[in-house]
Amino acid sequence: MNRIRIAALAGLLLLAADASENARKRAEGYLYGHRTLLVPLPYDKAQLSELLGKTGCSMAACTDFGLSSAFLAALAEAAPDEYGQLAEEMERPADKAARRKAAGPKRKPGREHHE
């Protein structure tokens, strides 16, 4: 799957604190026209790479809305001025995803006998 498609599916695009200006512009380009949040992290590339197990990592996408919301809530707890607004913005899509998951798959009328 290409990078732009992943960014479109993601709830968050995380950017390392020491990411280059080019990486920041590329991340913003991935997100153009999408509702994905760009989150500058307090971690540098070395820390992000170590946590994700991938060398030279300056950005990462999180496609799980519940995980994205929990991650931002934890960041907001540590630095409310910097991440509080982003955490609030992420709550609505996370709640919506949880409701869709709880409702189960959509079923068309008349398809019951195929299961």
N, C-alpha and C. Protein backbone atom coordinates (compact mmCIF):
# COMPACT_ATOMS: atom_id res chain seq x y z
N MET A 1 0.86 -1.18 0.00
CA MET A 1 0.00 0.00 0.00
C MET A 1 0.90 1.23 0.00
N ASN A 2 0.58 2.22 -0.81
CA ASN A 2 1.46 3.37 -0.89
C ASN A 2 1.31 4.29 0.31
N ARG A 3 2.27 5.16 0.47
CA ARG A 3 2.34 6.02 1.66
C ARG A 3 1.18 6.99 1.74
N ILE A 4 0.75 7.53 0.62
CA ILE A 4 -0.34 8.49 0.64
C ILE A 4 -1.63 7.80 1.07
N ARG A 5 -1.86 6.58 0.61
CA ARG A 5 -3.07 5.83 0.99
C ARG A 5 -3.05 5.51 2.47
N ILE A 6 -1.90 5.17 3.02
CA ILE A 6 -1.79 4.88 4.45
C ILE A 6 -2.09 6.13 5.26
N ALA A 7 -1.54 7.27 4.84
CA ALA A 7 -1.79 8.53 5.54
C ALA A 7 -3.27 8.88 5.51
N ALA A 8 -3.95 8.56 4.41
CA ALA A 8 -5.38 8.85 4.29
C ALA A 8 -6.20 7.98 5.24
N LEU A 9 -5.77 6.75 5.49
CA LEU A 9 -6.49 5.84 6.38
C LEU A 9 -6.17 6.09 7.84
N ALA A 10 -5.10 6.78 8.11
CA ALA A 10 -4.62 6.96 9.47
C ALA A 10 -5.44 7.98 10.24
N GLY A 11 -5.44 7.82 11.54
CA GLY A 11 -6.03 8.83 12.41
C GLY A 11 -4.99 9.86 12.77
N LEU A 12 -3.74 9.40 12.88
CA LEU A 12 -2.62 10.27 13.24
C LEU A 12 -1.44 10.02 12.33
N LEU A 13 -0.73 11.08 12.04
CA LEU A 13 0.58 10.96 11.42
C LEU A 13 1.55 11.61 12.40
N LEU A 14 2.42 10.80 12.97
CA LEU A 14 3.35 11.25 14.00
C LEU A 14 4.66 11.67 13.37
N LEU A 15 5.19 12.80 13.81
CA LEU A 15 6.41 13.35 13.23
C LEU A 15 7.43 13.57 14.34
N ALA A 16 8.64 13.04 14.16
CA ALA A 16 9.71 13.17 15.15
C ALA A 16 10.07 14.64 15.36
N ALA A 17 10.53 14.96 16.56
CA ALA A 17 10.87 16.34 16.91
C ALA A 17 11.99 16.89 16.05
N ASP A 18 12.93 16.04 15.66
CA ASP A 18 14.07 16.52 14.87
C ASP A 18 13.94 16.16 13.38
N ALA A 19 12.70 15.96 12.93
CA ALA A 19 12.48 15.65 11.51
C ALA A 19 12.87 16.87 10.67
N SER A 20 13.39 16.61 9.49
CA SER A 20 13.82 17.70 8.61
C SER A 20 12.62 18.48 8.09
N GLU A 21 12.88 19.65 7.58
CA GLU A 21 11.83 20.47 6.98
C GLU A 21 11.21 19.74 5.79
N ASN A 22 12.05 19.02 5.04
CA ASN A 22 11.56 18.25 3.90
C ASN A 22 10.58 17.16 4.37
N ALA A 23 10.90 16.47 5.46
CA ALA A 23 10.01 15.43 5.99
C ALA A 23 8.69 16.05 6.45
N ARG A 24 8.76 17.22 7.07
CA ARG A 24 7.54 17.90 7.52
C ARG A 24 6.65 18.27 6.32
N LYS A 25 7.28 18.81 5.26
CA LYS A 25 6.52 19.17 4.07
C LYS A 25 5.91 17.93 3.40
N ARG A 26 6.68 16.85 3.38
CA ARG A 26 6.18 15.60 2.80
C ARG A 26 4.98 15.09 3.59
N ALA A 27 5.07 15.15 4.92
CA ALA A 27 3.97 14.71 5.77
C ALA A 27 2.73 15.57 5.52
N GLU A 28 2.91 16.87 5.42
CA GLU A 28 1.78 17.76 5.15
C GLU A 28 1.17 17.45 3.78
N GLY A 29 2.02 17.11 2.82
CA GLY A 29 1.53 16.74 1.49
C GLY A 29 0.72 15.46 1.52
N TYR A 30 1.14 14.48 2.34
CA TYR A 30 0.39 13.23 2.46
C TYR A 30 -1.02 13.50 3.00
N LEU A 31 -1.12 14.49 3.88
CA LEU A 31 -2.38 14.74 4.57
C LEU A 31 -3.30 15.70 3.84
N TYR A 32 -2.84 16.29 2.75
CA TYR A 32 -3.64 17.27 2.04
C TYR A 32 -4.97 16.65 1.61
N GLY A 33 -6.06 17.28 2.05
CA GLY A 33 -7.39 16.81 1.69
C GLY A 33 -7.92 15.69 2.56
N HIS A 34 -7.23 15.34 3.63
CA HIS A 34 -7.66 14.27 4.53
C HIS A 34 -7.85 14.84 5.94
N ARG A 35 -8.53 14.11 6.77
CA ARG A 35 -8.81 14.57 8.13
C ARG A 35 -7.81 14.04 9.15
N THR A 36 -6.76 13.47 8.69
CA THR A 36 -5.72 12.93 9.56
C THR A 36 -5.00 14.07 10.27
N LEU A 37 -4.70 13.86 11.55
CA LEU A 37 -3.99 14.88 12.33
C LEU A 37 -2.49 14.68 12.23
N LEU A 38 -1.75 15.77 12.05
CA LEU A 38 -0.29 15.73 12.08
C LEU A 38 0.15 16.11 13.48
N VAL A 39 0.86 15.20 14.14
CA VAL A 39 1.25 15.40 15.53
C VAL A 39 2.77 15.45 15.66
N PRO A 40 3.32 16.61 15.99
CA PRO A 40 4.76 16.68 16.25
C PRO A 40 5.05 16.04 17.62
N LEU A 41 5.93 15.09 17.64
CA LEU A 41 6.23 14.34 18.87
C LEU A 41 7.34 15.00 19.68
N PRO A 42 7.38 14.73 20.98
CA PRO A 42 8.49 15.20 21.79
C PRO A 42 9.71 14.28 21.69
N TYR A 43 9.63 13.25 20.86
CA TYR A 43 10.71 12.28 20.71
C TYR A 43 11.49 12.55 19.42
N ASP A 44 12.79 12.30 19.46
CA ASP A 44 13.60 12.49 18.25
C ASP A 44 13.57 11.22 17.40
N LYS A 45 14.21 11.28 16.23
CA LYS A 45 14.18 10.15 15.29
C LYS A 45 14.79 8.89 15.89
N ALA A 46 15.86 9.03 16.66
CA ALA A 46 16.50 7.86 17.26
C ALA A 46 15.55 7.16 18.23
N GLN A 47 14.85 7.94 19.05
CA GLN A 47 13.91 7.35 20.01
C GLN A 47 12.73 6.71 19.28
N LEU A 48 12.20 7.39 18.28
CA LEU A 48 11.08 6.86 17.51
C LEU A 48 11.48 5.57 16.79
N SER A 49 12.67 5.58 16.20
CA SER A 49 13.17 4.39 15.51
C SER A 49 13.32 3.21 16.47
N GLU A 50 13.83 3.49 17.65
CA GLU A 50 14.03 2.43 18.65
C GLU A 50 12.68 1.87 19.12
N LEU A 51 11.71 2.75 19.36
CA LEU A 51 10.40 2.31 19.83
C LEU A 51 9.65 1.49 18.78
N LEU A 52 9.83 1.85 17.50
CA LEU A 52 9.11 1.17 16.43
C LEU A 52 9.91 0.01 15.82
N GLY A 53 11.19 -0.07 16.15
CA GLY A 53 12.02 -1.15 15.61
C GLY A 53 12.35 -0.96 14.14
N LYS A 54 12.40 0.29 13.71
CA LYS A 54 12.67 0.60 12.30
C LYS A 54 13.71 1.71 12.27
N THR A 55 14.80 1.50 11.54
CA THR A 55 15.87 2.50 11.53
C THR A 55 15.51 3.70 10.67
N GLY A 56 16.00 4.87 11.07
CA GLY A 56 15.82 6.09 10.30
C GLY A 56 14.38 6.55 10.17
N CYS A 57 13.58 6.34 11.18
CA CYS A 57 12.16 6.65 11.13
C CYS A 57 11.91 8.08 11.64
N SER A 58 11.39 8.94 10.76
CA SER A 58 11.08 10.30 11.19
C SER A 58 9.57 10.53 11.30
N MET A 59 8.76 9.63 10.73
CA MET A 59 7.31 9.74 10.85
C MET A 59 6.69 8.35 10.90
N ALA A 60 5.52 8.28 11.52
CA ALA A 60 4.78 7.02 11.62
C ALA A 60 3.29 7.33 11.57
N ALA A 61 2.52 6.43 10.98
CA ALA A 61 1.07 6.58 10.89
C ALA A 61 0.40 5.58 11.83
N CYS A 62 -0.66 6.02 12.48
CA CYS A 62 -1.45 5.15 13.34
C CYS A 62 -2.85 5.07 12.74
N THR A 63 -3.26 3.87 12.30
CA THR A 63 -4.54 3.70 11.63
C THR A 63 -5.67 3.28 12.57
N ASP A 64 -5.36 2.96 13.81
CA ASP A 64 -6.37 2.57 14.79
C ASP A 64 -6.81 3.81 15.56
N PHE A 65 -8.09 4.18 15.44
CA PHE A 65 -8.56 5.41 16.05
C PHE A 65 -8.57 5.34 17.57
N GLY A 66 -8.87 4.18 18.14
CA GLY A 66 -8.84 4.03 19.59
C GLY A 66 -7.44 4.19 20.14
N LEU A 67 -6.47 3.56 19.48
CA LEU A 67 -5.07 3.69 19.89
C LEU A 67 -4.60 5.13 19.72
N SER A 68 -4.99 5.76 18.62
CA SER A 68 -4.61 7.15 18.37
C SER A 68 -5.14 8.06 19.47
N SER A 69 -6.39 7.84 19.86
CA SER A 69 -7.00 8.65 20.91
C SER A 69 -6.30 8.43 22.25
N ALA A 70 -6.00 7.18 22.58
CA ALA A 70 -5.32 6.88 23.84
C ALA A 70 -3.92 7.46 23.85
N PHE A 71 -3.22 7.38 22.73
CA PHE A 71 -1.86 7.93 22.63
C PHE A 71 -1.88 9.44 22.83
N LEU A 72 -2.81 10.12 22.17
CA LEU A 72 -2.90 11.57 22.32
C LEU A 72 -3.33 11.96 23.73
N ALA A 73 -4.20 11.17 24.34
CA ALA A 73 -4.62 11.45 25.72
C ALA A 73 -3.42 11.36 26.67
N ALA A 74 -2.55 10.36 26.44
CA ALA A 74 -1.35 10.22 27.27
C ALA A 74 -0.40 11.40 27.05
N LEU A 75 -0.23 11.81 25.81
CA LEU A 75 0.60 12.99 25.53
C LEU A 75 0.00 14.25 26.15
N ALA A 76 -1.33 14.38 26.08
CA ALA A 76 -2.00 15.55 26.64
C ALA A 76 -1.88 15.60 28.15
N GLU A 77 -1.85 14.43 28.76
CA GLU A 77 -1.68 14.37 30.22
C GLU A 77 -0.30 14.89 30.62
N ALA A 78 0.71 14.58 29.82
CA ALA A 78 2.08 15.02 30.12
C ALA A 78 2.30 16.48 29.73
N ALA A 79 1.69 16.91 28.63
CA ALA A 79 1.86 18.29 28.13
C ALA A 79 0.52 18.82 27.63
N PRO A 80 -0.37 19.24 28.56
CA PRO A 80 -1.73 19.64 28.16
C PRO A 80 -1.78 20.84 27.21
N ASP A 81 -0.87 21.78 27.36
CA ASP A 81 -0.89 22.96 26.49
C ASP A 81 -0.59 22.59 25.04
N GLU A 82 0.31 21.65 24.86
CA GLU A 82 0.75 21.28 23.51
C GLU A 82 -0.17 20.27 22.83
N TYR A 83 -0.70 19.30 23.60
CA TYR A 83 -1.44 18.19 23.00
C TYR A 83 -2.91 18.12 23.40
N GLY A 84 -3.38 18.99 24.30
CA GLY A 84 -4.76 18.95 24.77
C GLY A 84 -5.78 19.12 23.65
N GLN A 85 -5.57 20.12 22.80
CA GLN A 85 -6.48 20.39 21.68
C GLN A 85 -6.52 19.21 20.71
N LEU A 86 -5.34 18.64 20.40
CA LEU A 86 -5.29 17.49 19.48
C LEU A 86 -6.02 16.29 20.06
N ALA A 87 -5.87 16.08 21.38
CA ALA A 87 -6.55 14.95 22.03
C ALA A 87 -8.06 15.11 21.94
N GLU A 88 -8.55 16.34 22.12
CA GLU A 88 -9.99 16.58 22.01
C GLU A 88 -10.48 16.35 20.58
N GLU A 89 -9.69 16.77 19.59
CA GLU A 89 -10.06 16.56 18.19
C GLU A 89 -10.13 15.08 17.83
N MET A 90 -9.31 14.26 18.48
CA MET A 90 -9.25 12.83 18.16
C MET A 90 -10.35 12.04 18.85
N GLU A 91 -10.97 12.59 19.90
CA GLU A 91 -12.00 11.85 20.64
C GLU A 91 -13.21 11.53 19.76
N ARG A 92 -13.66 12.48 18.95
CA ARG A 92 -14.86 12.28 18.14
C ARG A 92 -14.68 11.13 17.14
N PRO A 93 -13.60 11.11 16.32
CA PRO A 93 -13.45 9.98 15.39
C PRO A 93 -13.26 8.65 16.13
N ALA A 94 -12.62 8.67 17.29
CA ALA A 94 -12.42 7.43 18.05
C ALA A 94 -13.75 6.91 18.56
N ASP A 95 -14.62 7.81 19.06
CA ASP A 95 -15.95 7.39 19.52
C ASP A 95 -16.78 6.85 18.37
N LYS A 96 -16.69 7.49 17.22
CA LYS A 96 -17.44 7.04 16.04
C LYS A 96 -16.98 5.65 15.60
N ALA A 97 -15.67 5.42 15.61
CA ALA A 97 -15.13 4.10 15.24
C ALA A 97 -15.58 3.03 16.23
N ALA A 98 -15.62 3.39 17.51
CA ALA A 98 -16.06 2.43 18.53
C ALA A 98 -17.53 2.07 18.35
N ARG A 99 -18.36 3.08 18.01
CA ARG A 99 -19.79 2.81 17.77
C ARG A 99 -19.98 1.90 16.55
N ARG A 100 -19.21 2.16 15.48
CA ARG A 100 -19.32 1.32 14.28
C ARG A 100 -18.89 -0.12 14.59
N LYS A 101 -17.85 -0.27 15.38
CA LYS A 101 -17.38 -1.61 15.72
C LYS A 101 -18.40 -2.34 16.57
N ALA A 102 -19.02 -1.63 17.51
CA ALA A 102 -20.02 -2.25 18.39
C ALA A 102 -21.28 -2.63 17.61
N ALA A 103 -21.63 -1.87 16.58
CA ALA A 103 -22.83 -2.16 15.79
C ALA A 103 -22.68 -3.41 14.95
N GLY A 104 -21.46 -3.79 14.65
CA GLY A 104 -21.23 -4.98 13.84
C GLY A 104 -21.32 -4.66 12.36
N PRO A 105 -21.12 -5.67 11.53
CA PRO A 105 -21.14 -5.43 10.08
C PRO A 105 -22.54 -5.11 9.57
N LYS A 106 -22.59 -4.31 8.51
CA LYS A 106 -23.87 -4.01 7.88
C LYS A 106 -24.35 -5.24 7.13
N ARG A 107 -25.64 -5.47 7.21
CA ARG A 107 -26.22 -6.60 6.50
C ARG A 107 -27.34 -6.09 5.60
N LYS A 108 -27.34 -6.57 4.38
CA LYS A 108 -28.40 -6.20 3.45
C LYS A 108 -29.62 -7.07 3.71
N PRO A 109 -30.82 -6.51 3.57
CA PRO A 109 -32.03 -7.32 3.77
C PRO A 109 -32.08 -8.47 2.75
N GLY A 110 -32.49 -9.61 3.21
CA GLY A 110 -32.63 -10.77 2.34
C GLY A 110 -31.36 -11.61 2.23
N ARG A 111 -30.32 -11.23 2.91
CA ARG A 111 -29.05 -11.98 2.83
C ARG A 111 -28.88 -12.94 4.02
N GLU A 112 -29.86 -13.02 4.88
CA GLU A 112 -29.74 -13.86 6.08
C GLU A 112 -29.52 -15.33 5.74
N HIS A 113 -30.13 -15.83 4.66
CA HIS A 113 -30.05 -17.26 4.35
C HIS A 113 -28.68 -17.65 3.77
N HIS A 114 -27.83 -16.68 3.44
CA HIS A 114 -26.51 -16.98 2.89
C HIS A 114 -25.46 -17.20 3.98
N GLU A 115 -25.83 -17.03 5.20
CA GLU A 115 -24.84 -17.14 6.29
C GLU A 115 -24.88 -18.46 6.97
